[in-house]
Amino acid sequence: MQTWSPFLVSAAARAAAPSRLCRTFRAISVRTQVWLTEGRANGLVPSETSITDLNLFELVSRHPREVHVRRFTARAEAENGGDWEWAIGSGRLGWLRMRVQAKKLDDAGMAYTYLGHTQSNGTRQVDNLISDAGTMPAIYCLYNGQPGPTLGLTWGASCEDASELSGCMIAPAAGIQTLVNAADHSLGSVAPISVPWSDLVCCGPDPDKRLERIQDRLEAMGAGRGQVDQDLPTWASRLLERARVDDLVEVEGLEGVVLIDIEHQ
């Protein structure tokens, strides 16, 4: 069983990092946990949207060749369950796309208050996320501060030390849907189906099997393997071409898009 521990990642975990991108994902997770925990004491807990923006900004600023991000209008989340679409891969390996929705742990460190959010049209966000993802994996990115002191948490099986990297976790939307159906938004129930978001870029040393490893991680956590394609959607192609922000057509129903070229990490 993995339980929560202080913010610093162990020397063993740092030494195992196979890439700069992996180290960045780990560092962002640690910092997110600090923000949410220390922010409680000062009444300055950052919003879900602010955390997403800052985390993605750091990915881009540290990896300008590998990571490309564009934010669309804020209205998309009110109409659709998918906050962001991600494409991970390279021209040589192909591309794996997924839909990602963010949720933040409450200030008591016990539950995700808006996990069962119902949108203005009366449909549940989790249902829309799964439906609109189609054959793409649909996942939640969960921002966590220090858990409630009475919780003894068990995290999902990971290639990382989940107890040290729980600031940014990912969980399958299908598993979240099951919990929402049962009106269970508790961290104690979400933790066993959650793994560090760094699992997407940190697991395994073979560079030619990076996408296969990501598929393995997604499948193991119950999000499905998804499909690796050589052809990119228009939004991703335009990002690789480094199109100006105002030249990139918004994708209906998305708050933004992220492209990560793992060939150049």
Foldseek 3Di string as FASTA:
>chain_A
DAFADALDDDPVQVVLFQDPLLVLLQVLLSVLQVQLQVCLVVVRRDDQVVSVVVSLVSSCVVCVLFKFKFFDDPCLVLVALFAEKEWEEALVQFIAIETEAEFEQDSQQWFGPCLQPAHPVRHTSLVRQVVVRVLHFYKYWYAGYHHHPVDGADAADAPHSCSNRVRIKMAGSVQSVVCVVVVHGTPRSRRHLIGRPSQLQGPDNDLSCSLVSNLVVCVSSPRHSGDGHSDDPPQVVCRNVVHDNVVRDDDRSYRMYMYGHSVVD
